[in-house]
Amino acid sequence: MPMIIYNVTTNIDDSIHEKWLDWIKQHIPKVLSTGLFLKATFTKVLVEDSLGGLTYSVQYLASSKDALDSFYEDYASEFRSEEASLFGDKILAFMTELELIHEYIETPR
């Protein structure tokens, strides 16, 4: 069964940037505590967005599509509601599902 990456990309308005950063650093462990993801990677998007603000990506690794579907059914709406109530229209997020085909790791020469 293929592993699935659940990618959440969020553009943050400058006015709430620090508050959102504090929040997301606490939010990611809560998502992991659902037991449905193996790990998470938090990154800053380096390309400037035409919207302004700053953009970040969180990639959650799920062991299967079933695990991700369970997250959607049991947790996603609660987590999205929390973020929307805290930040409203000061953020713009979109989600992408990716199937992990292969990881390449360079070995020392």
Protein backbone atom coordinates (compact mmCIF):
# COMPACT_ATOMS: atom_id res chain seq x y z
CA MET A 1 0.00 0.00 0.00
CA PRO A 2 1.50 3.36 -1.00
CA MET A 3 2.34 6.04 1.53
CA ILE A 4 0.48 9.31 1.12
CA ILE A 5 1.71 12.84 1.77
CA TYR A 6 -0.98 15.26 2.89
CA ASN A 7 0.41 18.68 1.98
CA VAL A 8 -1.12 21.85 3.45
CA THR A 9 0.18 25.08 1.92
CA THR A 10 -0.83 28.28 3.69
CA ASN A 11 -0.28 31.92 2.78
CA ILE A 12 -0.14 34.10 5.90
CA ASP A 13 -0.91 37.82 6.04
CA ASP A 14 1.98 39.80 7.55
CA SER A 15 -0.30 41.16 10.30
CA ILE A 16 -0.76 37.73 11.93
CA HIS A 17 2.50 36.07 10.89
CA GLU A 18 4.08 35.67 14.35
CA LYS A 19 0.81 34.60 15.98
CA TRP A 20 0.23 32.00 13.24
CA LEU A 21 3.80 30.68 13.54
CA ASP A 22 3.34 30.17 17.30
CA TRP A 23 0.02 28.44 16.64
CA ILE A 24 1.24 26.10 13.85
CA LYS A 25 4.19 24.93 15.94
CA GLN A 26 1.67 23.73 18.54
CA HIS A 27 -0.84 22.53 15.95
CA ILE A 28 1.47 20.10 14.13
CA PRO A 29 2.06 17.91 17.25
CA LYS A 30 -1.73 17.83 17.80
CA VAL A 31 -2.24 16.49 14.28
CA LEU A 32 0.49 13.90 14.82
CA SER A 33 -1.12 12.86 18.11
CA THR A 34 -4.12 11.54 16.15
CA GLY A 35 -1.90 8.54 15.36
CA LEU A 36 -2.77 8.75 11.66
CA PHE A 37 0.51 10.26 10.44
CA LEU A 38 4.06 8.97 10.78
CA LYS A 39 5.83 12.33 10.64
CA ALA A 40 5.47 15.95 9.57
CA THR A 41 7.79 18.34 7.79
CA PHE A 42 7.30 22.10 8.20
CA THR A 43 8.81 24.31 5.48
CA LYS A 44 8.81 27.91 4.33
CA VAL A 45 8.09 28.49 0.64
CA LEU A 46 10.91 30.61 -0.74
CA VAL A 47 9.17 31.85 -3.89
CA GLU A 48 7.42 35.17 -3.33
CA ASP A 49 3.65 34.93 -3.63
CA SER A 50 1.71 37.48 -5.67
CA LEU A 51 -0.71 37.66 -2.71
CA GLY A 52 2.02 39.10 -0.50
CA GLY A 53 2.59 37.74 2.98
CA LEU A 54 4.58 34.58 3.62
CA THR A 55 3.80 31.04 2.56
CA TYR A 56 4.48 27.80 4.44
CA SER A 57 3.93 24.12 3.76
CA VAL A 58 3.35 21.28 6.18
CA GLN A 59 3.71 17.78 4.77
CA TYR A 60 2.18 15.01 6.86
CA LEU A 61 3.18 11.44 5.94
CA ALA A 62 0.36 8.91 6.23
CA SER A 63 0.95 5.18 5.96
CA SER A 64 -2.05 4.80 3.61
CA LYS A 65 -4.96 6.55 1.91
CA ASP A 66 -7.22 4.89 4.49
CA ALA A 67 -5.32 6.65 7.30
CA LEU A 68 -5.73 9.99 5.54
CA ASP A 69 -9.44 9.30 4.96
CA SER A 70 -9.81 8.56 8.69
CA PHE A 71 -8.18 11.91 9.44
CA TYR A 72 -10.68 13.66 7.15
CA GLU A 73 -13.62 11.88 8.78
CA ASP A 74 -12.60 12.26 12.43
CA TYR A 75 -10.42 15.37 12.76
CA ALA A 76 -10.03 17.63 9.71
CA SER A 77 -13.14 19.78 10.13
CA GLU A 78 -12.33 20.48 13.80
CA PHE A 79 -8.74 21.50 12.97
CA ARG A 80 -9.84 23.68 10.03
CA SER A 81 -12.51 25.36 12.15
CA GLU A 82 -9.97 26.19 14.84
CA GLU A 83 -7.63 27.82 12.34
CA ALA A 84 -10.47 29.72 10.65
CA SER A 85 -11.78 31.06 13.96
CA LEU A 86 -8.31 32.26 14.98
CA PHE A 87 -7.16 33.77 11.68
CA GLY A 88 -10.21 34.21 9.44
CA ASP A 89 -9.45 35.77 6.08
CA LYS A 90 -5.83 36.55 7.05
CA ILE A 91 -4.78 33.11 5.75
CA LEU A 92 -5.38 31.21 2.53
CA ALA A 93 -4.75 27.46 2.62
CA PHE A 94 -5.00 24.68 0.10
CA MET A 95 -4.44 20.97 0.50
CA THR A 96 -2.83 18.48 -1.85
CA GLU A 97 -2.63 14.70 -1.61
CA LEU A 98 0.56 13.15 -2.99
CA GLU A 99 1.47 9.49 -3.41
CA LEU A 100 5.04 8.73 -2.35
CA ILE A 101 6.66 6.81 -5.20
CA HIS A 102 10.26 6.60 -3.99
CA GLU A 103 12.70 8.43 -1.74
CA TYR A 104 16.23 8.97 -2.97
CA ILE A 105 18.97 9.53 -0.44
CA GLU A 106 22.52 10.26 -1.48
CA THR A 107 25.06 8.05 0.18
CA PRO A 108 28.47 9.42 1.17
CA ARG A 109 31.23 8.76 -1.34
